PDB file of all heavy atoms in Angstrom:
ATOM      1  N   ALA A   1     -22.838  -0.450   6.110  1.00  0.00           N
ATOM      2  CA  ALA A   1     -23.234  -1.807   6.614  1.00  0.00           C
ATOM      3  C   ALA A   1     -23.847  -1.808   8.023  1.00  0.00           C
ATOM      4  O   ALA A   1     -24.704  -2.478   8.295  1.00  0.00           O
ATOM      5  CB  ALA A   1     -21.986  -2.702   6.515  1.00  0.00           C
ATOM      6  N   TRP A   2     -23.051  -0.981   8.825  1.00  0.00           N
ATOM      7  CA  TRP A   2     -23.589  -0.882  10.222  1.00  0.00           C
ATOM      8  C   TRP A   2     -24.942  -0.257  10.341  1.00  0.00           C
ATOM      9  O   TRP A   2     -25.729  -0.613  11.109  1.00  0.00           O
ATOM     10  CB  TRP A   2     -22.494  -0.040  10.967  1.00  0.00           C
ATOM     11  CG  TRP A   2     -22.621  -0.100  12.509  1.00  0.00           C
ATOM     12  CD1 TRP A   2     -23.522  -0.664  13.258  1.00  0.00           C
ATOM     13  CD2 TRP A   2     -21.851   0.729  13.434  1.00  0.00           C
ATOM     14  NE1 TRP A   2     -23.257  -0.444  14.614  1.00  0.00           N
ATOM     15  CE2 TRP A   2     -22.281   0.354  14.683  1.00  0.00           C
ATOM     16  CE3 TRP A   2     -20.746   1.581  13.245  1.00  0.00           C
ATOM     17  CZ2 TRP A   2     -21.664   0.915  15.844  1.00  0.00           C
ATOM     18  CZ3 TRP A   2     -20.107   2.103  14.381  1.00  0.00           C
ATOM     19  CH2 TRP A   2     -20.673   1.825  15.663  1.00  0.00           C
ATOM     20  N   LEU A   3     -25.053   0.857   9.436  1.00  0.00           N
ATOM     21  CA  LEU A   3     -26.374   1.488   9.470  1.00  0.00           C
ATOM     22  C   LEU A   3     -27.521   0.645   9.044  1.00  0.00           C
ATOM     23  O   LEU A   3     -28.662   0.620   9.575  1.00  0.00           O
ATOM     24  CB  LEU A   3     -26.255   2.690   8.416  1.00  0.00           C
ATOM     25  CG  LEU A   3     -27.558   3.453   8.172  1.00  0.00           C
ATOM     26  CD1 LEU A   3     -27.972   4.135   9.419  1.00  0.00           C
ATOM     27  CD2 LEU A   3     -27.345   4.499   7.052  1.00  0.00           C
ATOM     28  N   ALA A   4     -27.283  -0.321   8.166  1.00  0.00           N
ATOM     29  CA  ALA A   4     -28.274  -1.304   7.760  1.00  0.00           C
ATOM     30  C   ALA A   4     -28.637  -2.231   8.947  1.00  0.00           C
ATOM     31  O   ALA A   4     -29.792  -2.651   9.029  1.00  0.00           O
ATOM     32  CB  ALA A   4     -27.939  -2.098   6.551  1.00  0.00           C
ATOM     33  N   GLU A   5     -27.661  -2.487   9.738  1.00  0.00           N
ATOM     34  CA  GLU A   5     -27.966  -3.334  10.883  1.00  0.00           C
ATOM     35  C   GLU A   5     -28.697  -2.642  12.051  1.00  0.00           C
ATOM     36  O   GLU A   5     -29.641  -3.102  12.570  1.00  0.00           O
ATOM     37  CB  GLU A   5     -26.625  -3.887  11.407  1.00  0.00           C
ATOM     38  CG  GLU A   5     -25.790  -4.869  10.545  1.00  0.00           C
ATOM     39  CD  GLU A   5     -26.341  -6.261  10.748  1.00  0.00           C
ATOM     40  OE1 GLU A   5     -27.151  -6.422  11.584  1.00  0.00           O
ATOM     41  OE2 GLU A   5     -25.920  -7.148  10.036  1.00  0.00           O
ATOM     42  N   ASP A   6     -28.202  -1.439  12.352  1.00  0.00           N
ATOM     43  CA  ASP A   6     -28.692  -0.738  13.560  1.00  0.00           C
ATOM     44  C   ASP A   6     -29.918   0.166  13.250  1.00  0.00           C
ATOM     45  O   ASP A   6     -30.650   0.604  14.177  1.00  0.00           O
ATOM     46  CB  ASP A   6     -27.601   0.140  14.180  1.00  0.00           C
ATOM     47  CG  ASP A   6     -26.710  -0.673  15.130  1.00  0.00           C
ATOM     48  OD1 ASP A   6     -26.672  -1.851  14.929  1.00  0.00           O
ATOM     49  OD2 ASP A   6     -26.099  -0.077  15.933  1.00  0.00           O
ATOM     50  N   GLY A   7     -30.053   0.619  12.006  1.00  0.00           N
ATOM     51  CA  GLY A   7     -31.187   1.539  11.614  1.00  0.00           C
ATOM     52  C   GLY A   7     -30.792   2.941  11.883  1.00  0.00           C
ATOM     53  O   GLY A   7     -29.594   3.269  12.299  1.00  0.00           O
ATOM     54  N   ALA A   8     -31.734   3.891  11.801  1.00  0.00           N
ATOM     55  CA  ALA A   8     -31.540   5.210  11.739  1.00  0.00           C
ATOM     56  C   ALA A   8     -31.020   5.721  13.030  1.00  0.00           C
ATOM     57  O   ALA A   8     -30.357   6.811  13.180  1.00  0.00           O
ATOM     58  CB  ALA A   8     -32.713   6.029  11.378  1.00  0.00           C
ATOM     59  N   ARG A   9     -31.274   5.026  14.159  1.00  0.00           N
ATOM     60  CA  ARG A   9     -30.799   5.447  15.514  1.00  0.00           C
ATOM     61  C   ARG A   9     -29.335   5.573  15.587  1.00  0.00           C
ATOM     62  O   ARG A   9     -28.843   6.261  16.442  1.00  0.00           O
ATOM     63  CB  ARG A   9     -31.249   4.490  16.595  1.00  0.00           C
ATOM     64  CG  ARG A   9     -30.900   3.097  16.532  1.00  0.00           C
ATOM     65  CD  ARG A   9     -30.931   2.261  17.827  1.00  0.00           C
ATOM     66  NE  ARG A   9     -30.085   2.924  18.804  1.00  0.00           N
ATOM     67  CZ  ARG A   9     -28.836   2.738  18.916  1.00  0.00           C
ATOM     68  NH1 ARG A   9     -28.231   1.868  18.202  1.00  0.00           N
ATOM     69  NH2 ARG A   9     -28.222   3.219  19.991  1.00  0.00           N
ATOM     70  N   LEU A  10     -28.637   4.877  14.700  1.00  0.00           N
ATOM     71  CA  LEU A  10     -27.138   4.998  14.727  1.00  0.00           C
ATOM     72  C   LEU A  10     -26.709   6.398  14.557  1.00  0.00           C
ATOM     73  O   LEU A  10     -25.658   6.880  15.154  1.00  0.00           O
ATOM     74  CB  LEU A  10     -26.589   4.061  13.571  1.00  0.00           C
ATOM     75  CG  LEU A  10     -25.027   4.096  13.425  1.00  0.00           C
ATOM     76  CD1 LEU A  10     -24.320   3.444  14.594  1.00  0.00           C
ATOM     77  CD2 LEU A  10     -24.638   3.402  12.127  1.00  0.00           C
ATOM     78  N   PHE A  11     -27.468   7.218  13.816  1.00  0.00           N
ATOM     79  CA  PHE A  11     -27.182   8.500  13.530  1.00  0.00           C
ATOM     80  C   PHE A  11     -27.816   9.595  14.414  1.00  0.00           C
ATOM     81  O   PHE A  11     -27.709  10.752  14.243  1.00  0.00           O
ATOM     82  CB  PHE A  11     -27.524   8.880  12.052  1.00  0.00           C
ATOM     83  CG  PHE A  11     -26.444   8.545  11.051  1.00  0.00           C
ATOM     84  CD1 PHE A  11     -26.131   7.273  10.840  1.00  0.00           C
ATOM     85  CD2 PHE A  11     -25.826   9.567  10.356  1.00  0.00           C
ATOM     86  CE1 PHE A  11     -25.217   6.936   9.896  1.00  0.00           C
ATOM     87  CE2 PHE A  11     -24.897   9.200   9.351  1.00  0.00           C
ATOM     88  CZ  PHE A  11     -24.508   7.960   9.249  1.00  0.00           C
ATOM     89  N   VAL A  12     -28.475   9.006  15.456  1.00  0.00           N
ATOM     90  CA  VAL A  12     -29.133   9.861  16.506  1.00  0.00           C
ATOM     91  C   VAL A  12     -28.378   9.762  17.834  1.00  0.00           C
ATOM     92  O   VAL A  12     -27.735  10.595  18.253  1.00  0.00           O
ATOM     93  CB  VAL A  12     -30.697   9.510  16.721  1.00  0.00           C
ATOM     94  CG1 VAL A  12     -31.343  10.489  17.682  1.00  0.00           C
ATOM     95  CG2 VAL A  12     -31.243   9.753  15.257  1.00  0.00           C
ATOM     96  N   ASP A  13     -28.687   8.641  18.495  1.00  0.00           N
ATOM     97  CA  ASP A  13     -27.907   8.438  19.766  1.00  0.00           C
ATOM     98  C   ASP A  13     -26.975   7.297  19.721  1.00  0.00           C
ATOM     99  O   ASP A  13     -26.487   6.866  20.654  1.00  0.00           O
ATOM    100  CB  ASP A  13     -28.971   8.135  20.842  1.00  0.00           C
ATOM    101  CG  ASP A  13     -29.993   7.106  20.552  1.00  0.00           C
ATOM    102  OD1 ASP A  13     -29.825   6.329  19.621  1.00  0.00           O
ATOM    103  OD2 ASP A  13     -31.033   6.997  21.330  1.00  0.00           O
ATOM    104  N   GLY A  14     -26.749   6.709  18.587  1.00  0.00           N
ATOM    105  CA  GLY A  14     -25.677   5.708  18.352  1.00  0.00           C
ATOM    106  C   GLY A  14     -24.367   6.306  18.211  1.00  0.00           C
ATOM    107  O   GLY A  14     -24.180   7.493  18.424  1.00  0.00           O
ATOM    108  N   ASP A  15     -23.428   5.465  17.783  1.00  0.00           N
ATOM    109  CA  ASP A  15     -22.008   5.962  17.808  1.00  0.00           C
ATOM    110  C   ASP A  15     -21.783   7.055  16.792  1.00  0.00           C
ATOM    111  O   ASP A  15     -21.086   8.005  17.096  1.00  0.00           O
ATOM    112  CB  ASP A  15     -21.054   4.699  17.415  1.00  0.00           C
ATOM    113  CG  ASP A  15     -20.851   3.827  18.620  1.00  0.00           C
ATOM    114  OD1 ASP A  15     -21.691   3.806  19.505  1.00  0.00           O
ATOM    115  OD2 ASP A  15     -19.899   2.987  18.578  1.00  0.00           O
ATOM    116  N   VAL A  16     -22.439   7.052  15.697  1.00  0.00           N
ATOM    117  CA  VAL A  16     -22.329   8.135  14.641  1.00  0.00           C
ATOM    118  C   VAL A  16     -22.907   9.350  15.203  1.00  0.00           C
ATOM    119  O   VAL A  16     -22.230  10.505  15.086  1.00  0.00           O
ATOM    120  CB  VAL A  16     -22.900   7.692  13.326  1.00  0.00           C
ATOM    121  CG1 VAL A  16     -22.699   8.905  12.298  1.00  0.00           C
ATOM    122  CG2 VAL A  16     -22.205   6.441  12.725  1.00  0.00           C
ATOM    123  N   GLY A  17     -24.094   9.239  15.723  1.00  0.00           N
ATOM    124  CA  GLY A  17     -24.691  10.468  16.256  1.00  0.00           C
ATOM    125  C   GLY A  17     -23.950  11.119  17.452  1.00  0.00           C
ATOM    126  O   GLY A  17     -23.842  12.350  17.485  1.00  0.00           O
ATOM    127  N   GLN A  18     -23.384  10.313  18.279  1.00  0.00           N
ATOM    128  CA  GLN A  18     -22.621  10.783  19.438  1.00  0.00           C
ATOM    129  C   GLN A  18     -21.368  11.473  18.837  1.00  0.00           C
ATOM    130  O   GLN A  18     -20.847  12.459  19.405  1.00  0.00           O
ATOM    131  CB  GLN A  18     -22.188   9.680  20.378  1.00  0.00           C
ATOM    132  CG  GLN A  18     -23.337   9.195  21.084  1.00  0.00           C
ATOM    133  CD  GLN A  18     -22.981   7.842  22.010  1.00  0.00           C
ATOM    134  OE1 GLN A  18     -21.839   7.793  22.504  1.00  0.00           O
ATOM    135  NE2 GLN A  18     -23.931   7.075  22.205  1.00  0.00           N
ATOM    136  N   ALA A  19     -20.726  10.937  17.746  1.00  0.00           N
ATOM    137  CA  ALA A  19     -19.584  11.552  17.221  1.00  0.00           C
ATOM    138  C   ALA A  19     -19.940  12.871  16.571  1.00  0.00           C
ATOM    139  O   ALA A  19     -19.033  13.897  16.679  1.00  0.00           O
ATOM    140  CB  ALA A  19     -18.958  10.576  16.132  1.00  0.00           C
ATOM    141  N   ILE A  20     -21.058  13.001  15.859  1.00  0.00           N
ATOM    142  CA  ILE A  20     -21.470  14.215  15.330  1.00  0.00           C
ATOM    143  C   ILE A  20     -21.537  15.309  16.424  1.00  0.00           C
ATOM    144  O   ILE A  20     -21.083  16.398  16.261  1.00  0.00           O
ATOM    145  CB  ILE A  20     -22.823  14.088  14.532  1.00  0.00           C
ATOM    146  CG1 ILE A  20     -22.694  13.224  13.369  1.00  0.00           C
ATOM    147  CG2 ILE A  20     -23.471  15.411  14.283  1.00  0.00           C
ATOM    148  CD1 ILE A  20     -23.975  12.865  12.644  1.00  0.00           C
ATOM    149  N   VAL A  21     -22.154  14.950  17.486  1.00  0.00           N
ATOM    150  CA  VAL A  21     -22.426  15.877  18.563  1.00  0.00           C
ATOM    151  C   VAL A  21     -21.118  16.276  19.230  1.00  0.00           C
ATOM    152  O   VAL A  21     -20.840  17.443  19.504  1.00  0.00           O
ATOM    153  CB  VAL A  21     -23.386  15.361  19.597  1.00  0.00           C
ATOM    154  CG1 VAL A  21     -23.474  16.219  20.838  1.00  0.00           C
ATOM    155  CG2 VAL A  21     -24.776  15.219  18.979  1.00  0.00           C
ATOM    156  N   ALA A  22     -20.267  15.315  19.504  1.00  0.00           N
ATOM    157  CA  ALA A  22     -18.988  15.578  20.150  1.00  0.00           C
ATOM    158  C   ALA A  22     -18.081  16.561  19.413  1.00  0.00           C
ATOM    159  O   ALA A  22     -17.472  17.433  19.922  1.00  0.00           O
ATOM    160  CB  ALA A  22     -18.268  14.248  20.411  1.00  0.00           C
ATOM    161  N   GLU A  23     -17.989  16.289  18.012  1.00  0.00           N
ATOM    162  CA  GLU A  23     -17.176  17.042  17.217  1.00  0.00           C
ATOM    163  C   GLU A  23     -17.787  18.515  17.041  1.00  0.00           C
ATOM    164  O   GLU A  23     -17.039  19.542  16.995  1.00  0.00           O
ATOM    165  CB  GLU A  23     -17.011  16.344  15.891  1.00  0.00           C
ATOM    166  CG  GLU A  23     -16.183  15.163  15.944  1.00  0.00           C
ATOM    167  CD  GLU A  23     -15.692  14.570  14.660  1.00  0.00           C
ATOM    168  OE1 GLU A  23     -16.011  15.147  13.606  1.00  0.00           O
ATOM    169  OE2 GLU A  23     -15.147  13.518  14.670  1.00  0.00           O
ATOM    170  N   SER A  24     -19.053  18.564  17.009  1.00  0.00           N
ATOM    171  CA  SER A  24     -19.699  19.866  16.918  1.00  0.00           C
ATOM    172  C   SER A  24     -19.460  20.700  18.101  1.00  0.00           C
ATOM    173  O   SER A  24     -19.204  21.880  18.043  1.00  0.00           O
ATOM    174  CB  SER A  24     -21.256  19.647  16.657  1.00  0.00           C
ATOM    175  OG  SER A  24     -21.875  21.003  16.582  1.00  0.00           O
ATOM    176  N   LEU A  25     -19.571  20.080  19.308  1.00  0.00           N
ATOM    177  CA  LEU A  25     -19.358  20.800  20.505  1.00  0.00           C
ATOM    178  C   LEU A  25     -17.890  21.206  20.733  1.00  0.00           C
ATOM    179  O   LEU A  25     -17.524  22.361  21.171  1.00  0.00           O
ATOM    180  CB  LEU A  25     -19.768  19.977  21.709  1.00  0.00           C
ATOM    181  CG  LEU A  25     -21.275  19.730  21.779  1.00  0.00           C
ATOM    182  CD1 LEU A  25     -21.640  18.811  23.063  1.00  0.00           C
ATOM    183  CD2 LEU A  25     -22.068  21.031  21.947  1.00  0.00           C
ATOM    184  N   SER A  26     -17.042  20.367  20.214  1.00  0.00           N
ATOM    185  CA  SER A  26     -15.583  20.693  20.508  1.00  0.00           C
ATOM    186  C   SER A  26     -14.906  21.401  19.356  1.00  0.00           C
ATOM    187  O   SER A  26     -13.909  22.052  19.614  1.00  0.00           O
ATOM    188  CB  SER A  26     -14.768  19.302  20.693  1.00  0.00           C
ATOM    189  OG  SER A  26     -14.867  18.567  19.483  1.00  0.00           O
ATOM    190  N   ARG A  27     -15.512  21.521  18.277  1.00  0.00           N
ATOM    191  CA  ARG A  27     -14.849  22.119  17.062  1.00  0.00           C
ATOM    192  C   ARG A  27     -15.642  23.302  16.476  1.00  0.00           C
ATOM    193  O   ARG A  27     -15.536  23.683  15.303  1.00  0.00           O
ATOM    194  CB  ARG A  27     -14.610  21.061  15.957  1.00  0.00           C
ATOM    195  CG  ARG A  27     -13.581  20.064  16.378  1.00  0.00           C
ATOM    196  CD  ARG A  27     -13.195  19.254  15.175  1.00  0.00           C
ATOM    197  NE  ARG A  27     -12.179  18.250  15.349  1.00  0.00           N
ATOM    198  CZ  ARG A  27     -11.714  17.404  14.517  1.00  0.00           C
ATOM    199  NH1 ARG A  27     -12.038  17.505  13.325  1.00  0.00           N
ATOM    200  NH2 ARG A  27     -10.697  16.627  14.851  1.00  0.00           N
ATOM    201  N   GLY A  28     -16.585  23.885  17.285  1.00  0.00           N
ATOM    202  CA  GLY A  28     -17.211  25.146  16.863  1.00  0.00           C
ATOM    203  C   GLY A  28     -18.487  25.019  16.041  1.00  0.00           C
ATOM    204  O   GLY A  28     -18.717  25.869  15.294  1.00  0.00           O
ATOM    205  N   GLY A  29     -19.214  23.925  16.222  1.00  0.00           N
ATOM    206  CA  GLY A  29     -20.460  23.635  15.573  1.00  0.00           C
ATOM    207  C   GLY A  29     -21.645  24.030  16.336  1.00  0.00           C
ATOM    208  O   GLY A  29     -21.475  24.322  17.569  1.00  0.00           O
ATOM    209  N   HIS A  30     -22.819  24.021  15.787  1.00  0.00           N
ATOM    210  CA  HIS A  30     -24.099  24.518  16.509  1.00  0.00           C
ATOM    211  C   HIS A  30     -24.874  23.140  16.875  1.00  0.00           C
ATOM    212  O   HIS A  30     -25.621  23.304  17.844  1.00  0.00           O
ATOM    213  CB  HIS A  30     -24.978  25.327  15.539  1.00  0.00           C
ATOM    214  CG  HIS A  30     -24.331  26.499  15.010  1.00  0.00           C
ATOM    215  ND1 HIS A  30     -24.270  27.648  15.864  1.00  0.00           N
ATOM    216  CD2 HIS A  30     -23.799  26.765  13.858  1.00  0.00           C
ATOM    217  CE1 HIS A  30     -23.760  28.593  15.031  1.00  0.00           C
ATOM    218  NE2 HIS A  30     -23.459  28.110  13.836  1.00  0.00           N
ATOM    219  N   LEU A  31     -24.617  22.047  16.369  1.00  0.00           N
ATOM    220  CA  LEU A  31     -25.465  20.823  16.534  1.00  0.00           C
ATOM    221  C   LEU A  31     -25.327  20.198  17.893  1.00  0.00           C
ATOM    222  O   LEU A  31     -24.217  20.096  18.324  1.00  0.00           O
ATOM    223  CB  LEU A  31     -25.141  19.801  15.476  1.00  0.00           C
ATOM    224  CG  LEU A  31     -25.479  20.275  13.947  1.00  0.00           C
ATOM    225  CD1 LEU A  31     -25.127  19.227  12.920  1.00  0.00           C
ATOM    226  CD2 LEU A  31     -26.932  20.641  13.786  1.00  0.00           C
ATOM    227  N   THR A  32     -26.411  19.921  18.463  1.00  0.00           N
ATOM    228  CA  THR A  32     -26.410  19.055  19.776  1.00  0.00           C
ATOM    229  C   THR A  32     -27.246  17.855  19.624  1.00  0.00           C
ATOM    230  O   THR A  32     -27.888  17.531  18.507  1.00  0.00           O
ATOM    231  CB  THR A  32     -27.091  19.977  20.817  1.00  0.00           C
ATOM    232  OG1 THR A  32     -28.429  20.178  20.586  1.00  0.00           O
ATOM    233  CG2 THR A  32     -26.389  21.368  20.923  1.00  0.00           C
ATOM    234  N   GLN A  33     -27.341  17.070  20.660  1.00  0.00           N
ATOM    235  CA  GLN A  33     -28.120  15.848  20.624  1.00  0.00           C
ATOM    236  C   GLN A  33     -29.584  16.142  20.353  1.00  0.00           C
ATOM    237  O   GLN A  33     -30.296  15.479  19.786  1.00  0.00           O
ATOM    238  CB  GLN A  33     -27.997  15.135  22.003  1.00  0.00           C
ATOM    239  CG  GLN A  33     -28.557  13.656  21.928  1.00  0.00           C
ATOM    240  CD  GLN A  33     -27.743  12.747  21.207  1.00  0.00           C
ATOM    241  OE1 GLN A  33     -26.567  12.508  21.393  1.00  0.00           O
ATOM    242  NE2 GLN A  33     -28.398  12.107  20.136  1.00  0.00           N
ATOM    243  N   GLY A  34     -30.023  17.359  20.841  1.00  0.00           N
ATOM    244  CA  GLY A  34     -31.492  17.740  20.699  1.00  0.00           C
ATOM    245  C   GLY A  34     -31.779  17.977  19.223  1.00  0.00           C
ATOM    246  O   GLY A  34     -32.899  17.668  18.849  1.00  0.00           O
ATOM    247  N   ASP A  35     -30.863  18.461  18.435  1.00  0.00           N
ATOM    248  CA  ASP A  35     -31.142  18.670  17.059  1.00  0.00           C
ATOM    249  C   ASP A  35     -31.297  17.307  16.314  1.00  0.00           C
ATOM    250  O   ASP A  35     -32.212  17.102  15.562  1.00  0.00           O
ATOM    251  CB  ASP A  35     -29.867  19.302  16.401  1.00  0.00           C
ATOM    252  CG  ASP A  35     -29.795  20.695  16.794  1.00  0.00           C
ATOM    253  OD1 ASP A  35     -30.652  21.592  16.484  1.00  0.00           O
ATOM    254  OD2 ASP A  35     -28.751  21.006  17.447  1.00  0.00           O
ATOM    255  N   LEU A  36     -30.517  16.269  16.618  1.00  0.00           N
ATOM    256  CA  LEU A  36     -30.591  14.980  16.014  1.00  0.00           C
ATOM    257  C   LEU A  36     -31.919  14.349  16.385  1.00  0.00           C
ATOM    258  O   LEU A  36     -32.624  13.693  15.604  1.00  0.00           O
ATOM    259  CB  LEU A  36     -29.429  14.132  16.290  1.00  0.00           C
ATOM    260  CG  LEU A  36     -28.039  14.699  15.929  1.00  0.00           C
ATOM    261  CD1 LEU A  36     -27.022  13.688  16.193  1.00  0.00           C
ATOM    262  CD2 LEU A  36     -27.985  15.056  14.468  1.00  0.00           C
ATOM    263  N   LYS A  37     -32.211  14.396  17.711  1.00  0.00           N
ATOM    264  CA  LYS A  37     -33.516  13.843  18.211  1.00  0.00           C
ATOM    265  C   LYS A  37     -34.841  14.491  17.726  1.00  0.00           C
ATOM    266  O   LYS A  37     -35.873  13.880  17.571  1.00  0.00           O
ATOM    267  CB  LYS A  37     -33.580  13.745  19.707  1.00  0.00           C
ATOM    268  CG  LYS A  37     -32.481  12.756  20.286  1.00  0.00           C
ATOM    269  CD  LYS A  37     -32.476  12.634  21.775  1.00  0.00           C
ATOM    270  CE  LYS A  37     -31.563  11.635  22.398  1.00  0.00           C
ATOM    271  NZ  LYS A  37     -31.785  11.406  23.829  1.00  0.00           N
ATOM    272  N   HIS A  38     -34.686  15.822  17.582  1.00  0.00           N
ATOM    273  CA  HIS A  38     -35.804  16.684  17.201  1.00  0.00           C
ATOM    274  C   HIS A  38     -36.273  16.379  15.722  1.00  0.00           C
ATOM    275  O   HIS A  38     -37.428  16.652  15.317  1.00  0.00           O
ATOM    276  CB  HIS A  38     -35.527  18.070  17.390  1.00  0.00           C
ATOM    277  CG  HIS A  38     -36.717  18.979  17.101  1.00  0.00           C
ATOM    278  ND1 HIS A  38     -36.769  19.655  15.917  1.00  0.00           N
ATOM    279  CD2 HIS A  38     -37.752  19.386  17.769  1.00  0.00           C
ATOM    280  CE1 HIS A  38     -37.805  20.396  15.864  1.00  0.00           C
ATOM    281  NE2 HIS A  38     -38.444  20.276  17.007  1.00  0.00           N
ATOM    282  N   TYR A  39     -35.199  16.094  14.877  1.00  0.00           N
ATOM    283  CA  TYR A  39     -35.562  16.082  13.388  1.00  0.00           C
ATOM    284  C   TYR A  39     -36.592  15.000  13.004  1.00  0.00           C
ATOM    285  O   TYR A  39     -36.597  13.921  13.446  1.00  0.00           O
ATOM    286  CB  TYR A  39     -34.241  15.708  12.638  1.00  0.00           C
ATOM    287  CG  TYR A  39     -34.407  15.846  11.182  1.00  0.00           C
ATOM    288  CD1 TYR A  39     -34.175  17.079  10.555  1.00  0.00           C
ATOM    289  CD2 TYR A  39     -34.909  14.811  10.303  1.00  0.00           C
ATOM    290  CE1 TYR A  39     -34.327  17.208   9.135  1.00  0.00           C
ATOM    291  CE2 TYR A  39     -35.141  14.936   8.991  1.00  0.00           C
ATOM    292  CZ  TYR A  39     -34.877  16.149   8.412  1.00  0.00           C
ATOM    293  OH  TYR A  39     -35.113  16.289   7.072  1.00  0.00           O
ATOM    294  N   ARG A  40     -37.492  15.513  12.196  1.00  0.00           N
ATOM    295  CA  ARG A  40     -38.521  14.588  11.587  1.00  0.00           C
ATOM    296  C   ARG A  40     -38.653  14.746  10.138  1.00  0.00           C
ATOM    297  O   ARG A  40     -38.514  15.844   9.622  1.00  0.00           O
ATOM    298  CB  ARG A  40     -39.978  14.979  12.250  1.00  0.00           C
ATOM    299  CG  ARG A  40     -40.090  14.701  13.733  1.00  0.00           C
ATOM    300  CD  ARG A  40     -39.941  13.178  14.080  1.00  0.00           C
ATOM    301  NE  ARG A  40     -40.194  13.015  15.480  1.00  0.00           N
ATOM    302  CZ  ARG A  40     -39.130  12.999  16.401  1.00  0.00           C
ATOM    303  NH1 ARG A  40     -37.883  13.213  15.980  1.00  0.00           N
ATOM    304  NH2 ARG A  40     -39.350  12.820  17.670  1.00  0.00           N
ATOM    305  N   VAL A  41     -38.848  13.590   9.448  1.00  0.00           N
ATOM    306  CA  VAL A  41     -39.082  13.615   7.957  1.00  0.00           C
ATOM    307  C   VAL A  41     -40.520  14.188   7.822  1.00  0.00           C
ATOM    308  O   VAL A  41     -41.456  13.788   8.458  1.00  0.00           O
ATOM    309  CB  VAL A  41     -38.984  12.224   7.360  1.00  0.00           C
ATOM    310  CG1 VAL A  41     -39.353  12.218   5.855  1.00  0.00           C
ATOM    311  CG2 VAL A  41     -37.541  11.693   7.638  1.00  0.00           C
TER     312      VAL A  41
END
């Protein structure tokens, strides 16, 4: 429901995107903010 309100940016620099990056950095992942911002369909 939040995604429909905020749009795709929620998963880039919004709360969900920030959580993806934070957990990746703290729990042994490769993903950074640059990965989410760089992605193109």
